Protein backbone atom coordinates (compact mmCIF):
# COMPACT_ATOMS: atom_id res chain seq x y z
CA MET A 1 -19.46 23.09 13.67
CA PRO A 2 -16.65 20.58 14.47
CA VAL A 3 -17.68 17.04 15.25
CA ASP A 4 -17.29 16.12 18.93
CA ILE A 5 -14.11 14.03 18.79
CA LYS A 6 -14.95 12.04 21.92
CA ASN A 7 -18.36 11.20 20.51
CA PHE A 8 -16.86 10.28 17.14
CA ILE A 9 -14.16 8.03 18.60
CA SER A 10 -16.88 6.20 20.50
CA LYS A 11 -18.41 5.39 17.11
CA LEU A 12 -15.17 4.02 15.65
CA GLN A 13 -13.87 0.83 17.19
CA LEU A 14 -10.50 -0.63 16.16
CA THR A 15 -10.45 -4.40 16.56
CA ASP A 16 -8.07 -7.15 15.54
CA ASP A 17 -10.18 -7.38 12.39
CA GLY A 18 -10.34 -3.81 11.14
CA ILE A 19 -12.31 -0.73 12.19
CA HIS A 20 -16.04 -0.71 12.85
CA LEU A 21 -18.32 2.30 12.46
CA ASP A 22 -20.68 1.82 15.40
CA ASP A 23 -24.43 1.91 14.87
CA SER A 24 -23.92 0.76 11.28
CA VAL A 25 -23.06 -2.36 9.31
CA LEU A 26 -19.89 -0.76 7.91
CA TRP A 27 -16.39 -1.98 8.69
CA PHE A 28 -13.05 -0.82 7.25
CA ASP A 29 -10.55 -3.49 6.12
CA ALA A 30 -12.17 -6.27 8.10
CA TYR A 31 -11.76 -9.78 6.71
CA LYS A 32 -13.58 -12.08 9.11
CA ASN A 33 -16.86 -10.45 10.15
CA ARG A 34 -20.19 -11.29 8.55
CA GLU A 35 -21.38 -7.74 7.90
CA LEU A 36 -20.18 -5.21 5.31
CA SER A 37 -16.51 -4.28 4.93
CA PHE A 38 -14.70 -1.83 2.71
CA ILE A 39 -11.43 -3.40 1.46
CA SER A 40 -8.86 -0.75 0.59
CA SER A 41 -6.58 -3.00 -1.49
CA ALA A 42 -5.84 -6.61 -2.39
CA GLN A 43 -2.54 -6.63 -0.51
CA LYS A 44 -4.33 -8.72 2.08
CA HIS A 45 -6.20 -11.15 -0.12
CA SER A 46 -7.97 -13.25 2.47
CA THR A 47 -11.64 -12.65 3.24
CA SER A 48 -14.38 -14.76 4.74
CA SER A 49 -16.84 -15.97 2.14
CA GLN A 50 -19.53 -14.71 4.51
CA THR A 51 -18.20 -11.15 4.50
CA LYS A 52 -19.84 -8.78 2.06
CA ILE A 53 -17.17 -6.42 0.78
CA ILE A 54 -17.05 -3.07 -0.96
CA ALA A 55 -14.05 -2.78 -3.28
CA THR A 56 -12.88 -1.87 -6.74
CA GLU A 57 -13.15 -4.40 -9.54
CA GLU A 58 -9.36 -4.82 -9.62
CA THR A 59 -9.22 -5.64 -5.91
CA VAL A 60 -12.06 -8.15 -6.17
CA LYS A 61 -10.49 -9.91 -9.18
CA ILE A 62 -7.16 -10.28 -7.39
CA ILE A 63 -8.86 -11.66 -4.28
CA GLU A 64 -10.75 -14.14 -6.45
CA HIS A 65 -7.51 -15.18 -8.18
CA PHE A 66 -6.12 -16.31 -4.83
CA GLY A 67 -8.98 -18.71 -4.25
CA GLN A 68 -11.42 -16.56 -2.31
CA LYS A 69 -15.03 -16.05 -3.36
CA PRO A 70 -16.12 -12.83 -1.69
CA ASN A 71 -19.67 -11.55 -1.70
CA ALA A 72 -18.63 -8.33 -3.38
CA LEU A 73 -20.23 -5.01 -4.14
CA ILE A 74 -17.95 -3.76 -6.92
CA CYS A 75 -17.69 0.03 -7.08
CA GLN A 76 -15.96 2.40 -9.47
CA TYR A 77 -13.89 5.40 -8.49
CA TYR A 78 -15.74 8.72 -8.27
CA ARG A 79 -19.20 7.07 -8.43
CA PRO A 80 -21.13 7.97 -5.22
CA PHE A 81 -23.61 5.39 -3.92
CA SER A 82 -25.85 4.96 -0.87
CA LEU A 83 -26.53 2.12 1.54
CA GLY A 84 -29.21 3.10 4.01
CA ARG A 85 -28.05 6.25 5.83
CA LEU A 86 -24.51 5.88 4.50
CA ARG A 87 -23.43 7.79 1.39
CA MET A 88 -20.08 6.62 0.05
CA GLU A 89 -17.52 7.18 -2.70
CA LEU A 90 -14.28 5.38 -3.59
CA LEU A 91 -11.20 7.44 -4.44
CA PRO A 92 -7.85 6.22 -5.87
CA SER A 93 -5.19 5.79 -3.18
CA GLY A 94 -2.26 6.21 -5.60
CA SER A 95 -0.37 3.22 -4.20
CA VAL A 96 -1.38 -0.07 -5.89
CA LEU A 97 -3.68 -1.40 -8.60
CA GLY A 98 -7.27 -1.12 -7.35
CA GLY A 99 -6.20 0.63 -4.16
CA ALA A 100 -8.84 2.98 -2.78
CA SER A 101 -9.80 5.28 0.05
CA LEU A 102 -13.41 5.53 1.21
CA TYR A 103 -15.36 8.76 1.70
CA VAL A 104 -18.41 8.31 3.93
CA GLU A 105 -21.22 10.70 4.85
CA LYS A 106 -23.56 9.83 7.72
CA ASP A 107 -25.86 12.13 9.69
CA GLN A 108 -24.19 15.35 8.51
CA GLU A 109 -20.73 13.96 9.37
CA SER A 110 -18.15 13.15 6.69
CA THR A 111 -15.22 10.78 7.06
CA LEU A 112 -12.33 9.94 4.75
CA TYR A 113 -10.70 6.59 5.49
CA ALA A 114 -7.34 6.71 3.70
CA PRO A 115 -4.94 4.13 5.15
CA ASP A 116 -2.66 3.41 2.17
CA ILE A 117 -2.22 6.65 0.24
CA GLN A 118 0.76 7.67 -1.91
CA SER A 119 1.06 11.26 -3.11
CA GLN A 120 4.19 10.88 -5.23
CA ALA A 121 3.27 10.09 -8.81
CA ILE A 122 3.87 6.45 -9.80
CA PRO A 123 3.62 5.78 -13.55
CA THR A 124 1.91 2.42 -13.03
CA GLU A 125 -0.79 3.73 -10.65
CA LYS A 126 -3.82 6.00 -10.79
CA PRO A 127 -3.00 9.35 -9.14
CA LEU A 128 -4.08 9.91 -5.55
CA ALA A 129 -7.41 11.68 -5.03
CA LEU A 130 -8.68 13.21 -1.78
CA LYS A 131 -11.83 14.96 -0.64
CA SER A 132 -12.59 17.42 2.19
CA ALA A 133 -13.99 15.72 5.28
CA HIS A 134 -14.74 16.44 8.94
CA THR A 135 -12.69 13.42 10.01
CA LEU A 136 -9.62 11.91 8.35
CA ILE A 137 -8.39 8.42 9.27
CA LEU A 138 -4.77 7.59 8.39
CA LYS A 139 -2.47 4.67 9.04
CA ALA A 140 0.99 5.28 10.50
CA HIS A 141 3.06 2.97 8.30
CA TYR A 142 6.56 4.23 8.99
CA PRO A 143 8.66 5.73 11.76
CA ASP A 144 9.61 9.40 11.71
CA LEU A 145 12.65 9.43 9.41
CA ASN A 146 15.35 12.07 9.80
CA VAL A 147 15.82 12.30 6.03
CA PRO A 148 12.72 12.33 3.78
CA ILE A 149 12.65 9.61 1.16
CA ASP A 150 13.02 10.64 -2.47
CA ARG A 151 11.59 7.74 -4.42
CA ASN A 152 12.74 9.09 -7.78
CA LEU A 153 16.32 9.51 -6.59
CA GLU A 154 16.30 5.96 -5.25
CA LYS A 155 15.15 4.64 -8.62
CA GLU A 156 17.85 6.66 -10.36
CA ARG A 157 20.41 5.23 -7.96
CA LEU A 158 19.14 1.73 -8.71
CA LEU A 159 19.71 2.24 -12.45
CA LYS A 160 23.16 3.65 -11.76
CA ARG A 161 24.09 0.67 -9.61
CA ILE A 162 22.95 -1.73 -12.33
CA THR A 163 25.40 -0.03 -14.68
CA GLU A 164 28.21 -0.06 -12.11
CA GLU A 165 27.77 -3.78 -11.45
CA SER A 166 27.33 -4.71 -15.13
CA SER A 167 30.65 -6.57 -15.31
CA ARG A 168 29.12 -9.18 -12.98
CA GLY A 169 25.94 -9.54 -15.03
CA TYR A 170 22.39 -8.36 -14.62
CA PRO A 171 21.27 -8.16 -10.98
CA LEU A 172 18.75 -10.04 -8.90
CA ILE A 173 16.29 -7.49 -7.50
CA PHE A 174 14.21 -8.54 -4.51
CA CYS A 175 11.08 -6.47 -3.80
CA LYS A 176 7.37 -6.55 -3.02
CA ALA A 177 5.55 -8.63 -5.60
CA PHE A 178 2.52 -6.31 -5.74
CA GLY A 179 2.93 -2.63 -6.54
CA THR A 180 6.69 -2.19 -6.15
CA ALA A 181 7.64 -4.89 -8.67
CA GLN A 182 5.41 -3.35 -11.34
CA GLU A 183 6.84 0.13 -10.77
CA ILE A 184 10.42 -1.16 -10.95
CA SER A 185 9.63 -3.22 -14.05
CA ALA A 186 8.31 -0.14 -15.85
CA CYS A 187 11.40 1.80 -14.73
CA LEU A 188 13.74 -0.87 -16.12
CA GLN A 189 11.79 -1.03 -19.37
CA LYS A 190 12.40 2.69 -19.97
CA GLU A 191 16.11 1.87 -19.98
CA ASN A 192 15.57 -1.10 -22.35
CA LEU A 193 16.79 -3.57 -19.75
CA PRO A 194 15.64 -7.18 -20.31
CA ILE A 195 13.45 -8.50 -17.49
CA SER A 196 12.48 -11.93 -16.24
CA VAL A 197 10.11 -12.26 -13.27
CA HIS A 198 9.17 -14.82 -10.65
CA LYS A 199 5.73 -16.44 -11.08
CA SER A 200 4.22 -14.52 -8.15
CA ILE A 201 5.28 -11.20 -9.72
CA TYR A 202 4.19 -12.42 -13.15
CA THR A 203 0.64 -12.85 -11.80
CA PHE A 204 0.44 -9.22 -10.67
CA HIS A 205 2.11 -7.99 -13.86
CA LYS A 206 -0.69 -9.63 -15.82
CA PHE A 207 -3.34 -7.99 -13.66
CA TYR A 208 -1.80 -4.58 -14.36
CA GLU A 209 -1.70 -5.27 -18.09
CA ASN A 210 -5.29 -6.54 -18.10
CA TYR A 211 -6.36 -3.17 -16.72
CA GLY A 212 -4.40 -1.20 -19.31
CA THR A 213 -1.09 -0.49 -17.55
CA LYS A 214 2.11 -1.36 -19.39
CA VAL A 215 4.78 -2.64 -17.01
CA GLY A 216 7.40 -3.51 -19.62
CA ASP A 217 8.42 -6.48 -21.73
CA PHE A 218 9.10 -9.43 -19.45
CA SER A 219 9.41 -13.18 -19.48
CA LEU A 220 8.44 -15.71 -16.85
CA LEU A 221 11.22 -17.49 -15.01
CA PRO A 222 12.96 -19.80 -15.72
CA SER A 223 12.98 -18.89 -19.43
CA SER A 224 16.06 -16.94 -20.51
CA LYS A 225 16.90 -16.21 -16.89
CA ASN A 226 20.66 -16.07 -17.37
CA ASN A 227 20.80 -12.88 -19.42
CA LYS A 228 18.10 -10.71 -17.85
CA VAL A 229 17.41 -8.67 -14.75
CA LEU A 230 15.58 -11.00 -12.37
CA LEU A 231 12.68 -9.52 -10.39
CA LEU A 232 12.00 -11.70 -7.36
CA PRO A 233 9.74 -11.42 -4.29
CA ALA A 234 11.55 -10.31 -1.14
CA THR A 235 11.14 -13.45 0.95
CA TYR A 236 13.83 -15.38 2.78
CA ASN A 237 13.25 -18.68 0.96
CA ILE A 238 13.30 -17.06 -2.49
CA TYR A 239 16.47 -15.16 -1.61
CA LYS A 240 18.18 -18.29 -0.31
CA LYS A 241 17.33 -20.27 -3.44
CA PHE A 242 18.22 -17.72 -6.11
CA SER A 243 21.25 -16.20 -4.39
CA ALA A 244 22.75 -19.68 -4.27
CA GLU A 245 21.88 -20.35 -7.92
CA PHE A 246 23.28 -17.00 -9.08
CA LYS A 247 25.92 -16.42 -6.43
CA ASP A 248 28.20 -14.36 -8.69
CA ARG A 249 25.55 -11.87 -9.83
CA PRO A 250 24.81 -8.64 -7.93
CA LYS A 251 21.90 -8.74 -5.50
CA PHE A 252 19.76 -5.70 -4.65
CA LEU A 253 16.96 -5.34 -2.12
CA ILE A 254 14.11 -2.83 -2.32
CA GLU A 255 12.46 -2.44 1.07
CA GLU A 256 9.98 -0.34 2.99
CA PRO A 257 11.43 2.23 5.42
CA SER A 258 10.05 0.55 8.53
CA GLU A 259 12.20 -0.39 11.49
CA ALA A 260 9.74 -3.13 12.36
CA SER A 261 9.90 -4.81 8.95
CA SER A 262 13.55 -4.40 8.04
CA LEU A 263 14.60 -7.33 5.87
CA THR A 264 18.33 -6.69 5.79
CA GLY A 265 19.14 -9.38 8.35
CA TYR A 266 17.50 -12.02 6.19
CA PHE A 267 19.41 -10.98 3.06
CA PRO A 268 23.18 -11.37 3.59
CA ASN A 269 25.77 -10.43 0.97
CA LEU A 270 23.71 -7.72 -0.70
CA GLN A 271 25.49 -5.32 -3.02
CA ASP A 272 22.99 -2.55 -2.20
CA LYS A 273 19.52 -1.80 -0.86
CA PHE A 274 17.02 0.91 -1.75
CA LEU A 275 14.20 2.54 0.22
CA ILE A 276 11.16 2.96 -2.00
CA ASN A 277 8.08 3.55 0.11
CA GLN A 278 4.77 2.27 -1.22
CA PHE A 279 2.79 4.64 0.99
CA CYS A 280 3.23 8.22 2.19
CA ASP A 281 5.83 8.71 4.87
CA LEU A 282 5.30 11.14 7.72
CA ASN A 283 6.95 14.09 5.98
CA SER A 284 4.68 13.94 2.92
CA LEU A 285 1.37 13.84 4.80
CA SER A 286 1.14 17.46 5.98
CA PRO A 287 0.04 18.99 2.62
CA LEU A 288 -2.44 16.16 2.12
CA ILE A 289 -4.00 16.73 5.52
CA ALA A 290 -4.22 20.44 4.72
CA SER A 291 -6.09 19.67 1.49
CA VAL A 292 -8.66 17.51 3.31
CA LYS A 293 -9.19 20.23 5.97
CA PRO A 294 -10.29 17.83 8.71
CA LYS A 295 -11.42 18.99 12.14
CA ASN A 296 -10.48 15.59 13.52
CA LEU A 297 -7.51 13.40 12.64
CA LEU A 298 -7.52 9.76 13.76
CA ILE A 299 -4.38 7.69 13.34
CA PHE A 300 -3.88 3.95 13.78
CA GLY A 301 -0.93 1.66 13.21
CA PRO A 302 2.32 0.93 15.08
CA TYR A 303 3.71 4.47 14.83
CA ALA A 304 0.50 6.32 15.66
CA MET A 305 1.91 8.16 18.68
CA ARG A 306 4.80 9.57 16.60
CA TYR A 307 2.38 10.88 14.01
CA ILE A 308 0.17 12.43 16.66
CA ALA A 309 3.11 14.31 18.15
CA HIS A 310 3.97 15.58 14.67
CA PHE A 311 0.47 16.78 13.72
CA LYS A 312 -0.95 17.99 17.03
CA GLU A 313 -0.24 21.63 16.16
CA GLN A 314 -1.78 21.32 12.69
CA ILE A 315 -5.20 19.84 13.51
CA PRO A 316 -7.62 20.84 16.32
CA HIS A 317 -8.25 17.26 17.41
CA VAL A 318 -5.69 14.49 16.88
CA LYS A 319 -6.16 11.10 18.49
CA ALA A 320 -4.80 7.56 18.24
CA LEU A 321 -7.24 4.84 17.31
CA TYR A 322 -6.13 1.58 18.84
CA SER A 323 -7.42 -1.58 20.45
CA SER A 324 -6.58 -2.29 24.05
CA ASP A 325 -4.11 -5.04 23.15
CA GLN A 326 -2.29 -3.18 20.36
CA PRO A 327 1.21 -1.93 21.24
CA LEU A 328 2.15 1.53 19.99
CA LEU A 329 5.79 2.46 19.36
CA LEU A 330 6.85 5.70 20.99
C-alpha cells in the first residue's frame, strides 16, 4: 500500500539547517542542531560540536581535519544498524570520498535520502548503490539542460586541449578541490602528465590515498611548478594570483553545470572551460528512480520545480520539499 504522501510530507520538515524527520531525533544534513544528523559528505565540513552525527569514517576524518570535533557515530557502507524505532543503512553515493546516501525504515515505511548521487562511474570513487524504498528524496542540483553532459567526452576534450596548447606550456586547471580535482588528477596521470597541486587540493589527495585510492603522482606547490600541470581550486583569489604569475600559460576551468553558480565571469581570459558534473543531472536520474521503485518522490533544492515537472508522469506522487523562505527557480 502506498504511503500517504500528505502524511509523509508532514513528517519531513525542510529547514535552513537540513531536513528533519518529525517524531524522531533524526535529521538529514543538519549542522547546527543538538540532536542526531546524518551527514552525506564532507563537502560542508562545519558541524556544531553538540551535534551527534552519523557518517562514514572518511567523512568524519575530513571534518576533524578542518578543526571540528563532532560527536560521531561512524558507520560502514552496507552495515545495517538500529537506533530505537529507526533501522538504517549507509550506501555509497558515487560522487566523493566518504559520500553516502541513507536508507531508513520506520513503522513499515522506507525512505532513501540520496541528495548527492552520481551514476556515471568515476575511477576514484566507490560505485553508486541504491535500494528500493517507498519514498525517495533527491536534491535538484542543476537546471534542465538541453544537451546531456557526457563527462567522459569532456575529460577527453580536456586532454586534447592540453595537447593543442602545449606550445604555451602546461596549463593551469581550476576546479573543485574535493572530488573533481582527484578525478582529474587520476585522468592526467593515465597520460603521464606531471602534476603539481595547490595545498588545499593536496590535503584531499592525501585523504584519497590514505583510503587506498591512487590519484596519480603529484607534488605540492610551489615545488617544480614551472614544468607541470597545475591543479588549483576554482576561487577568484586563487585565479587572480596564479593567472598573473603564469600569464602566458593556458588556463582551463572545470565547473558545475549550474546557472546559479557559473564561475565564468570571475575567470577572464580562459582558453577553455569544461562541464564535469559531480552529481547526477536531470537526464540521468530517470533510470535510477526506476530502480528504487518509489511510490513517493520528494525533491528539494533550487531547481526542484523543474525536476517535478520532468518526473510527474513517472512517479505516482511527486512533491517539492521546501521551507517557506526558500526560493525555487521555475
